[in-house]
Amino acid sequence: MSGDTIFALATGAGRAAVAVMRLSGPGAGAALAALAGPLPRPRHASLRRLRHRAEVLDEALVLWFPAPASYTGEDSAELHLHGGPAVVAAVSDALAMLGLRPAEPGEFTRRAFTQGRLDLTAAEGIADLIAAETEAQRRQALRQAGGALAARVAGWVERLTALLARQEAFIEFEDEDLPEGIDAAVAADVAELRAELAAEIAGAARAEALREGVRIAILGAPNAGKSSLLNALAGREAAIVSAQPGTTRDVVEARLILAGVPVTLADTAGLRETEDLIEAEGVRRARAAGAGAEIVLAVFAANAPPDAETLALVEAGALAVVNKCDLVPPMLAGHAVSARTGAGVAELRAALEDAVRASAGVAMEAGLTRPRHRAALGDAVAALDMLDHPLPELRAEALRGALAAMGRLTGRVGVEAVLDRVFSEFCIGK
C-alpha cells in the first residue's frame, strides 16, 4: 500500500446523520476492497458492510472513482458513513492501519491541480465557494471555480503567444520578404492588450471587495450618535450608548449584509483633541479605521455645530449623515436620520446599499479576486512596458516576461511557494 494515498473527512466534525470519508491515491482501490469487498461499479453507490480484522465497523454506501475520472484525477473513493464520532474514528484508524495517511489541508484540490484537472484560479474559486456567505459571493466564486477567469487568461496568453511569434519572425527573418510594417503592427497590438490588462487591474478592487467584504467606518465628533447609528443599522445592541462624551474608546464592529455583500460596520471614538491617553489612542484608531474603509459615514449631530474634521471628511467624499433630527431640524445637507426613533434609517440603508454596489459591483465576467491575481497581471503590464525598446530581441524578451507572469496567475510556471500558500487555506478533506 502506497504511503501517498490520503484520506480525510469531507463533512463537518461532530455528530451527524452522514459523514463522508474521501480517499485518493494509488492505494485507494486496495483500501476500499480491504474494507468493503469487491470494488463496486465506477460512480455507482453500493451498500456494504465495512470490516477490518474481522470486525464490522459500519454499514455504509461506498463509491469508487477510478483515475482519471475523479475529482483529483487519481484513483479515489468515498465512504458515506453513519455520522457518529466513534464510527468515523474506527474507520480512520482502519485506513491508517492499511497504510493510508491523513490528508493535509487542501491536499485533494492540490492533487487535482497537479493532475491538470483544474488550474490555480479555479482552485481558488473552489475555496471561495466554500467560504461564500452571500448569493453574490457564491455566483462570483462559482464562475471562477468553473474556469471563467482561466478562460480569460487563456485568451490573453493566446494573444501574447501570437505577438511573440510575430516578433520572433521579425528577428529571425529580418532579411526575408516579410509583410511590411510587421514590427509596427506588433507594437500596436501590444499597446491595445496592455490597455486592456491595465483596465482589468483598475477594476480589480471591486471583485476583491465582493470576496473579502466592504468596510464602512462611522466617524464624527463625540456625542454625534455614532454608536446609536451603528445599532440602528445593525438591528441590534452592538455598541454601548451613553450621553457621556467619549464613551466609545475602541473600534466596535458589527457584521451585516448589504446589497448581497458582506459588510463590516465600524463604530469609532469621537474625533477630537484630548489629553486622555486612552481616548487619544481611540481617536487614532478611529482615523485609521476611516483611512482603511471603502465607505465612510461622516456623522453630525443636528443639535450641535459641525466640527472641522468631520466636514473635511465630507469634502473628501464621505457620506454625510445628520443624526438627532428628532430634536431639531437639520441645518446641514446630508441624510437626515434619528437613530433613536428610526426616522430616515431605511433611506440611509438604501443609500449605503447603492454605495456598496458601487464599491463591490457584481460583474458578469470573472474578475481578479485576489491581490495575487492583481500582482501577476501588474507584472505582465510592466513587462509589456518594455516593448518600446529599440532592440527587437529585448522586445521579444519582454513578451516572454509577460507570458511568464500569466503563467504564475494560473499556476503553470514556477509558483511552488504560491501553491503552498493557496492550498493551506483549504479545509481538510478538500
Protein backbone atom coordinates (compact mmCIF):
# COMPACT_ATOMS: atom_id res chain seq x y z
CA MET A 1 0.00 0.00 0.00
CA SER A 2 1.47 3.32 -1.07
CA GLY A 3 2.08 5.85 1.68
CA ASP A 4 0.99 8.50 -0.80
CA THR A 5 -2.67 7.55 -0.55
CA ILE A 6 -4.58 10.00 1.60
CA PHE A 7 -7.88 10.09 3.43
CA ALA A 8 -9.92 12.77 5.21
CA LEU A 9 -13.39 13.53 6.42
CA ALA A 10 -15.08 15.75 3.82
CA THR A 11 -18.04 16.67 6.04
CA GLY A 12 -18.07 18.61 9.29
CA ALA A 13 -16.73 17.17 12.52
CA GLY A 14 -19.11 16.07 15.26
CA ARG A 15 -22.30 14.01 15.35
CA ALA A 16 -24.34 13.98 12.11
CA ALA A 17 -26.60 11.71 10.08
CA VAL A 18 -23.90 11.06 7.47
CA ALA A 19 -20.14 11.52 7.41
CA VAL A 20 -18.30 11.34 4.08
CA MET A 21 -14.74 9.98 4.13
CA ARG A 22 -12.68 10.60 0.99
CA LEU A 23 -9.73 8.54 -0.23
CA SER A 24 -7.34 9.42 -3.04
CA GLY A 25 -4.14 7.91 -4.40
CA PRO A 26 -2.77 4.71 -5.90
CA GLY A 27 -3.83 2.64 -2.89
CA ALA A 28 -7.42 3.85 -2.77
CA GLY A 29 -8.83 0.82 -4.61
CA ALA A 30 -6.97 -1.70 -2.47
CA ALA A 31 -8.06 0.08 0.73
CA LEU A 32 -11.68 0.13 -0.40
CA ALA A 33 -11.56 -3.56 -1.31
CA ALA A 34 -9.97 -4.39 2.06
CA LEU A 35 -12.83 -2.72 3.92
CA ALA A 36 -15.82 -3.33 1.64
CA GLY A 37 -15.00 -6.34 -0.54
CA PRO A 38 -15.00 -6.31 -4.36
CA LEU A 39 -14.95 -2.85 -5.89
CA PRO A 40 -18.39 -1.57 -6.95
CA ARG A 41 -19.10 -0.32 -10.46
CA PRO A 42 -17.42 3.04 -11.02
CA ARG A 43 -19.52 6.00 -9.90
CA HIS A 44 -22.35 3.78 -8.60
CA ALA A 45 -23.24 3.75 -4.89
CA SER A 46 -23.21 0.32 -3.25
CA LEU A 47 -24.37 -0.56 0.26
CA ARG A 48 -21.62 -2.52 2.02
CA ARG A 49 -20.57 -3.66 5.46
CA LEU A 50 -17.16 -2.26 6.26
CA ARG A 51 -14.93 -4.78 8.03
CA HIS A 52 -11.42 -4.61 9.41
CA ARG A 53 -9.69 -7.52 11.13
CA ALA A 54 -12.97 -9.46 11.20
CA GLU A 55 -14.82 -6.64 12.99
CA VAL A 56 -17.77 -4.85 11.40
CA LEU A 57 -17.11 -1.10 11.55
CA ASP A 58 -20.25 0.24 9.89
CA GLU A 59 -22.81 -0.30 7.15
CA ALA A 60 -22.14 2.37 4.56
CA LEU A 61 -22.61 3.48 0.98
CA VAL A 62 -19.33 3.24 -0.93
CA LEU A 63 -18.38 4.78 -4.27
CA TRP A 64 -15.39 4.06 -6.50
CA PHE A 65 -13.87 6.62 -8.89
CA PRO A 66 -11.02 5.14 -10.93
CA ALA A 67 -8.47 7.53 -12.44
CA PRO A 68 -8.61 9.79 -14.30
CA ALA A 69 -12.37 10.32 -13.92
CA SER A 70 -12.28 11.61 -10.35
CA TYR A 71 -12.03 14.96 -8.61
CA THR A 72 -8.29 14.57 -8.02
CA GLY A 73 -7.55 12.73 -11.26
CA GLU A 74 -6.26 9.79 -9.16
CA ASP A 75 -7.96 6.58 -8.04
CA SER A 76 -10.46 7.81 -5.45
CA ALA A 77 -13.22 6.50 -3.24
CA GLU A 78 -15.88 7.78 -0.89
CA LEU A 79 -17.32 6.12 2.21
CA HIS A 80 -20.71 7.51 3.27
CA LEU A 81 -20.70 6.51 6.92
CA HIS A 82 -23.10 6.94 9.78
CA GLY A 83 -22.00 10.24 11.27
CA GLY A 84 -21.19 9.27 14.83
CA PRO A 85 -17.71 10.23 16.08
CA ALA A 86 -16.96 6.61 17.11
CA VAL A 87 -17.72 5.34 13.58
CA VAL A 88 -15.53 8.00 11.99
CA ALA A 89 -12.70 7.26 14.42
CA ALA A 90 -12.89 3.49 13.84
CA VAL A 91 -12.82 3.85 10.04
CA SER A 92 -9.98 6.39 10.24
CA ASP A 93 -7.94 4.01 12.39
CA ALA A 94 -8.56 1.18 9.94
CA LEU A 95 -7.44 3.27 6.98
CA ALA A 96 -4.28 4.30 8.80
CA MET A 97 -3.53 0.63 9.57
CA LEU A 98 -3.95 -0.11 5.85
CA GLY A 99 -1.15 2.35 5.09
CA LEU A 100 -3.07 5.50 4.18
CA ARG A 101 -2.22 8.82 5.77
CA PRO A 102 -4.45 11.74 6.82
CA ALA A 103 -4.64 14.47 4.20
CA GLU A 104 -3.20 17.94 4.70
CA PRO A 105 -5.45 21.00 4.28
CA GLY A 106 -6.32 21.45 0.60
CA GLU A 107 -4.42 18.33 -0.48
CA PHE A 108 -7.27 16.84 -2.50
CA THR A 109 -7.65 20.03 -4.53
CA ARG A 110 -3.88 20.39 -4.84
CA ARG A 111 -3.73 16.90 -6.34
CA ALA A 112 -6.49 17.88 -8.77
CA PHE A 113 -4.35 20.87 -9.78
CA THR A 114 -1.23 18.71 -10.13
CA GLN A 115 -3.12 16.23 -12.30
CA GLY A 116 -4.33 19.04 -14.57
CA ARG A 117 -7.97 18.71 -13.53
CA LEU A 118 -8.16 22.44 -12.80
CA ASP A 119 -5.90 25.47 -12.79
CA LEU A 120 -4.92 27.59 -9.80
CA THR A 121 -7.62 30.22 -10.32
CA ALA A 122 -10.30 27.51 -10.39
CA ALA A 123 -8.86 26.00 -7.20
CA GLU A 124 -9.09 29.40 -5.52
CA GLY A 125 -12.66 29.67 -6.78
CA ILE A 126 -13.49 26.40 -5.01
CA ALA A 127 -12.05 27.76 -1.76
CA ASP A 128 -14.11 30.94 -2.20
CA LEU A 129 -17.23 28.87 -2.93
CA ILE A 130 -16.83 27.01 0.35
CA ALA A 131 -16.37 30.30 2.21
CA ALA A 132 -19.17 32.21 0.41
CA GLU A 133 -21.60 33.94 2.77
CA THR A 134 -23.88 35.65 0.24
CA GLU A 135 -25.51 34.95 -3.12
CA ALA A 136 -23.27 37.50 -4.83
CA GLN A 137 -20.15 35.82 -3.43
CA ARG A 138 -21.48 32.40 -4.42
CA ARG A 139 -22.09 33.48 -8.00
CA GLN A 140 -18.65 35.08 -8.32
CA ALA A 141 -16.90 32.05 -6.81
CA LEU A 142 -18.89 29.63 -8.98
CA ARG A 143 -17.84 31.47 -12.14
CA GLN A 144 -14.20 31.33 -11.09
CA ALA A 145 -14.39 27.67 -10.00
CA GLY A 146 -15.98 26.87 -13.35
CA GLY A 147 -12.94 28.24 -15.17
CA ALA A 148 -14.26 31.64 -16.29
CA LEU A 149 -11.16 33.53 -15.14
CA ALA A 150 -8.90 30.81 -16.54
CA ALA A 151 -10.63 31.17 -19.92
CA ARG A 152 -9.99 34.92 -19.92
CA VAL A 153 -6.34 34.37 -19.02
CA ALA A 154 -6.09 31.76 -21.78
CA GLY A 155 -7.31 34.39 -24.24
CA TRP A 156 -4.64 36.83 -23.10
CA VAL A 157 -1.98 34.11 -23.29
CA GLU A 158 -3.04 33.22 -26.84
CA ARG A 159 -2.72 36.84 -27.92
CA LEU A 160 0.68 37.19 -26.26
CA THR A 161 1.88 33.97 -27.86
CA ALA A 162 0.82 35.18 -31.30
CA LEU A 163 2.56 38.51 -30.72
CA LEU A 164 5.73 36.74 -29.60
CA ALA A 165 5.66 34.53 -32.69
CA ARG A 166 5.42 37.58 -34.94
CA GLN A 167 8.20 39.34 -33.03
CA GLU A 168 10.44 36.27 -33.31
CA ALA A 169 9.70 36.08 -37.02
CA PHE A 170 10.84 39.68 -37.38
CA ILE A 171 14.10 38.81 -35.60
CA GLU A 172 14.84 35.51 -37.36
CA PHE A 173 13.78 36.51 -40.86
CA GLU A 174 14.56 40.20 -40.93
CA ASP A 175 16.29 39.82 -44.29
CA GLU A 176 13.44 37.82 -45.82
CA ASP A 177 10.39 39.16 -47.58
CA LEU A 178 8.19 39.63 -44.51
CA PRO A 179 4.99 41.65 -44.68
CA GLU A 180 5.70 45.33 -44.49
CA GLY A 181 5.17 47.01 -41.11
CA ILE A 182 5.05 43.77 -39.06
CA ASP A 183 7.07 45.34 -36.23
CA ALA A 184 4.75 48.35 -36.03
CA ALA A 185 1.72 46.07 -36.07
CA VAL A 186 3.09 44.10 -33.12
CA ALA A 187 3.64 47.34 -31.20
CA ALA A 188 0.06 48.47 -31.88
CA ASP A 189 -1.42 45.14 -30.77
CA VAL A 190 0.74 45.15 -27.64
CA ALA A 191 -0.47 48.65 -26.77
CA GLU A 192 -4.08 47.51 -27.13
CA LEU A 193 -3.52 44.44 -24.93
CA ARG A 194 -1.62 46.47 -22.33
CA ALA A 195 -4.52 48.94 -22.08
CA GLU A 196 -6.96 46.05 -21.61
CA LEU A 197 -4.87 44.49 -18.84
CA ALA A 198 -4.40 47.85 -17.10
CA ALA A 199 -8.17 48.39 -17.13
CA GLU A 200 -8.62 44.93 -15.61
CA ILE A 201 -6.22 45.81 -12.79
CA ALA A 202 -8.00 49.12 -12.19
CA GLY A 203 -11.30 47.27 -11.72
CA ALA A 204 -9.85 44.51 -9.54
CA ALA A 205 -10.78 46.26 -6.29
CA ARG A 206 -14.47 45.60 -6.95
CA ALA A 207 -14.09 41.83 -7.25
CA GLU A 208 -11.73 41.75 -4.26
CA ALA A 209 -14.20 43.77 -2.20
CA LEU A 210 -17.00 41.34 -3.05
CA ARG A 211 -14.86 38.39 -1.99
CA GLU A 212 -13.46 39.94 1.20
CA GLY A 213 -16.35 42.25 2.15
CA VAL A 214 -16.67 46.03 2.38
CA ARG A 215 -15.63 48.07 5.42
CA ILE A 216 -17.79 51.03 6.45
CA ALA A 217 -16.43 53.37 9.13
CA ILE A 218 -18.66 55.67 11.16
CA LEU A 219 -16.74 58.81 12.10
CA GLY A 220 -17.71 62.07 13.75
CA ALA A 221 -17.39 64.26 16.82
CA PRO A 222 -18.19 62.91 20.31
CA ASN A 223 -21.93 62.61 21.08
CA ALA A 224 -22.94 62.75 17.41
CA GLY A 225 -24.83 59.49 17.95
CA LYS A 226 -22.44 57.18 16.09
CA SER A 227 -22.99 54.20 18.40
CA SER A 228 -26.77 54.61 18.20
CA LEU A 229 -26.49 54.75 14.42
CA LEU A 230 -24.43 51.54 14.37
CA ASN A 231 -27.09 49.79 16.47
CA ALA A 232 -29.89 51.09 14.23
CA LEU A 233 -28.18 49.88 11.05
CA ALA A 234 -27.15 46.54 12.57
CA GLY A 235 -30.57 45.94 14.08
CA ARG A 236 -29.16 45.01 17.48
CA GLU A 237 -27.40 46.50 20.50
CA ALA A 238 -23.84 46.05 19.25
CA ALA A 239 -22.33 49.17 20.84
CA ILE A 240 -22.79 50.82 24.25
CA VAL A 241 -24.77 54.06 24.04
CA SER A 242 -24.33 56.83 26.59
CA ALA A 243 -24.91 60.58 26.80
CA GLN A 244 -21.40 60.96 28.23
CA PRO A 245 -18.93 62.12 25.52
CA GLY A 246 -16.04 59.79 24.82
CA THR A 247 -17.84 56.56 25.80
CA THR A 248 -16.52 54.69 22.77
CA ARG A 249 -12.78 54.23 23.20
CA ASP A 250 -12.08 51.42 20.71
CA VAL A 251 -13.41 50.35 17.32
CA VAL A 252 -16.66 48.38 17.73
CA GLU A 253 -17.63 46.27 14.71
CA ALA A 254 -20.87 44.72 13.52
CA ARG A 255 -21.24 42.34 10.60
CA LEU A 256 -24.21 42.59 8.22
CA ILE A 257 -25.21 42.03 4.60
CA LEU A 258 -25.96 44.98 2.31
CA ALA A 259 -26.82 44.55 -1.38
CA GLY A 260 -25.72 40.91 -1.18
CA VAL A 261 -22.24 41.88 0.01
CA PRO A 262 -20.82 41.16 3.49
CA VAL A 263 -20.17 44.45 5.27
CA THR A 264 -18.24 45.27 8.43
CA LEU A 265 -19.69 48.37 10.07
CA ALA A 266 -17.25 50.06 12.47
CA ASP A 267 -18.24 52.48 15.23
CA THR A 268 -15.33 54.64 16.37
CA ALA A 269 -14.24 57.06 19.08
CA GLY A 270 -15.32 60.68 18.68
CA LEU A 271 -12.89 62.83 16.73
CA ARG A 272 -11.37 65.48 18.97
CA GLU A 273 -8.10 66.51 20.56
CA THR A 274 -7.78 65.14 24.09
CA GLU A 275 -5.23 64.84 26.89
CA ASP A 276 -6.67 61.48 27.96
CA LEU A 277 -4.13 58.92 26.68
CA ILE A 278 -6.67 56.13 26.31
CA GLU A 279 -9.16 58.30 24.46
CA ALA A 280 -6.34 59.68 22.27
CA GLU A 281 -5.48 56.12 21.25
CA GLY A 282 -9.15 55.56 20.43
CA VAL A 283 -9.16 58.67 18.23
CA ARG A 284 -6.01 57.44 16.47
CA ARG A 285 -7.71 54.10 15.80
CA ALA A 286 -10.82 55.90 14.56
CA ARG A 287 -8.81 57.83 12.00
CA ALA A 288 -7.03 54.63 10.94
CA ALA A 289 -10.38 52.86 10.54
CA GLY A 290 -11.57 55.69 8.31
CA ALA A 291 -8.39 55.53 6.21
CA GLY A 292 -8.81 51.77 5.71
CA ALA A 293 -12.54 51.79 4.90
CA GLU A 294 -14.07 51.71 1.45
CA ILE A 295 -17.02 53.82 2.67
CA VAL A 296 -17.03 56.46 5.42
CA LEU A 297 -20.12 57.85 7.16
CA ALA A 298 -19.41 61.36 8.48
CA VAL A 299 -21.94 61.83 11.28
CA PHE A 300 -23.06 65.23 12.59
CA ALA A 301 -25.46 65.98 15.43
CA ALA A 302 -28.32 68.22 14.34
CA ASN A 303 -28.27 69.97 17.74
CA ALA A 304 -24.54 70.84 17.68
CA PRO A 305 -22.33 72.96 15.42
CA PRO A 306 -20.41 70.93 12.81
CA ASP A 307 -16.75 70.27 13.58
CA ALA A 308 -14.00 70.96 11.06
CA GLU A 309 -12.58 67.42 10.91
CA THR A 310 -15.93 65.81 10.09
CA LEU A 311 -16.64 68.47 7.48
CA ALA A 312 -13.27 67.68 5.93
CA LEU A 313 -14.32 64.02 5.67
CA VAL A 314 -17.39 65.05 3.64
CA GLU A 315 -15.22 67.17 1.35
CA ALA A 316 -13.02 64.09 0.82
CA GLY A 317 -16.01 62.01 -0.32
CA ALA A 318 -17.58 60.65 2.87
CA LEU A 319 -21.35 60.18 3.05
CA ALA A 320 -22.80 62.95 5.26
CA VAL A 321 -25.32 61.86 7.91
CA VAL A 322 -27.12 64.35 10.17
CA ASN A 323 -28.31 62.49 13.27
CA LYS A 324 -30.69 63.53 16.09
CA CYS A 325 -33.12 65.14 13.67
CA ASP A 326 -35.91 64.31 16.12
CA LEU A 327 -34.53 67.08 18.34
CA VAL A 328 -34.07 69.93 15.86
CA PRO A 329 -34.38 70.29 12.08
CA PRO A 330 -31.10 69.55 10.24
CA MET A 331 -29.09 72.58 9.21
CA LEU A 332 -26.59 70.66 7.06
CA ALA A 333 -27.01 68.83 3.77
CA GLY A 334 -26.92 65.07 4.13
CA HIS A 335 -29.02 62.09 5.11
CA ALA A 336 -31.27 63.26 7.93
CA VAL A 337 -31.87 60.49 10.46
CA SER A 338 -32.83 59.83 14.03
CA ALA A 339 -31.07 56.74 15.29
CA ARG A 340 -33.28 56.92 18.41
CA THR A 341 -36.65 56.88 16.62
CA GLY A 342 -35.54 55.16 13.41
CA ALA A 343 -36.61 58.03 11.17
CA GLY A 344 -34.56 58.13 7.96
CA VAL A 345 -32.62 54.95 8.78
CA ALA A 346 -34.26 52.94 5.97
CA GLU A 347 -33.35 55.66 3.46
CA LEU A 348 -29.77 55.73 4.77
CA ARG A 349 -29.56 51.94 4.45
CA ALA A 350 -30.73 52.20 0.82
CA ALA A 351 -28.03 54.82 0.13
CA LEU A 352 -25.44 52.56 1.74
CA GLU A 353 -26.57 49.66 -0.44
CA ASP A 354 -26.01 51.83 -3.52
CA ALA A 355 -22.54 52.76 -2.24
CA VAL A 356 -21.71 49.11 -1.51
CA ARG A 357 -22.84 48.09 -5.01
CA ALA A 358 -20.55 50.74 -6.47
CA SER A 359 -17.65 49.56 -4.30
CA ALA A 360 -18.17 45.83 -4.91
CA GLY A 361 -20.24 45.57 -8.06
CA VAL A 362 -21.00 42.11 -9.39
CA ALA A 363 -19.72 41.76 -12.93
CA MET A 364 -20.92 39.07 -15.31
CA GLU A 365 -17.30 38.24 -16.12
CA ALA A 366 -14.91 36.63 -13.65
CA GLY A 367 -12.58 39.30 -12.31
CA LEU A 368 -9.36 39.39 -10.34
CA THR A 369 -10.50 38.37 -6.86
CA ARG A 370 -7.16 38.24 -5.02
CA PRO A 371 -4.13 40.50 -4.61
CA ARG A 372 -2.06 37.66 -6.13
CA HIS A 373 -4.04 37.95 -9.37
CA ARG A 374 -3.56 41.72 -9.48
CA ALA A 375 0.18 41.38 -8.82
CA ALA A 376 0.66 38.83 -11.62
CA LEU A 377 -1.24 40.96 -14.11
CA GLY A 378 0.72 44.01 -12.93
CA ASP A 379 3.95 42.16 -13.71
CA ALA A 380 2.62 41.38 -17.18
CA VAL A 381 1.82 45.06 -17.78
CA ALA A 382 5.28 46.07 -16.52
CA ALA A 383 6.86 43.61 -18.95
CA LEU A 384 4.82 44.99 -21.83
CA ASP A 385 6.04 48.48 -20.93
CA MET A 386 9.49 47.31 -22.11
CA LEU A 387 8.19 46.90 -25.68
CA ASP A 388 9.35 50.40 -26.58
CA HIS A 389 12.98 49.21 -26.52
CA PRO A 390 14.74 49.69 -29.90
CA LEU A 391 16.27 46.18 -29.88
CA PRO A 392 13.81 43.58 -31.22
CA GLU A 393 15.47 40.85 -29.12
CA LEU A 394 14.63 42.74 -25.91
CA ARG A 395 11.08 43.32 -27.14
CA ALA A 396 10.71 39.56 -27.56
CA GLU A 397 12.12 39.05 -24.06
CA ALA A 398 9.52 41.47 -22.70
CA LEU A 399 6.75 39.41 -24.31
CA ARG A 400 8.20 36.25 -22.74
CA GLY A 401 8.19 38.02 -19.37
CA ALA A 402 4.51 38.89 -19.79
CA LEU A 403 3.75 35.25 -20.64
CA ALA A 404 5.61 34.08 -17.53
CA ALA A 405 3.55 36.44 -15.38
CA MET A 406 0.36 35.00 -16.89
CA GLY A 407 1.67 31.52 -16.12
CA ARG A 408 2.04 32.48 -12.46
CA LEU A 409 -1.56 33.64 -12.40
CA THR A 410 -2.90 30.25 -13.49
CA GLY A 411 -0.20 28.28 -11.67
CA ARG A 412 1.53 26.84 -14.71
CA VAL A 413 5.06 28.12 -14.11
CA GLY A 414 7.40 28.44 -11.11
CA VAL A 415 4.89 29.02 -8.32
CA GLU A 416 5.70 26.42 -5.66
CA ALA A 417 5.65 28.99 -2.84
CA VAL A 418 2.36 30.36 -4.17
CA LEU A 419 0.87 26.85 -4.24
CA ASP A 420 1.82 26.23 -0.62
CA ARG A 421 0.08 29.41 0.44
CA VAL A 422 -3.06 28.93 -1.67
CA PHE A 423 -3.79 25.35 -0.67
CA SER A 424 -3.01 25.88 3.02
CA GLU A 425 -6.20 28.00 3.15
CA PHE A 426 -8.40 25.00 2.32
CA CYS A 427 -10.16 22.90 4.92
CA ILE A 428 -9.00 19.32 5.41
CA GLY A 429 -10.96 16.99 3.12
CA LYS A 430 -10.93 19.45 0.24
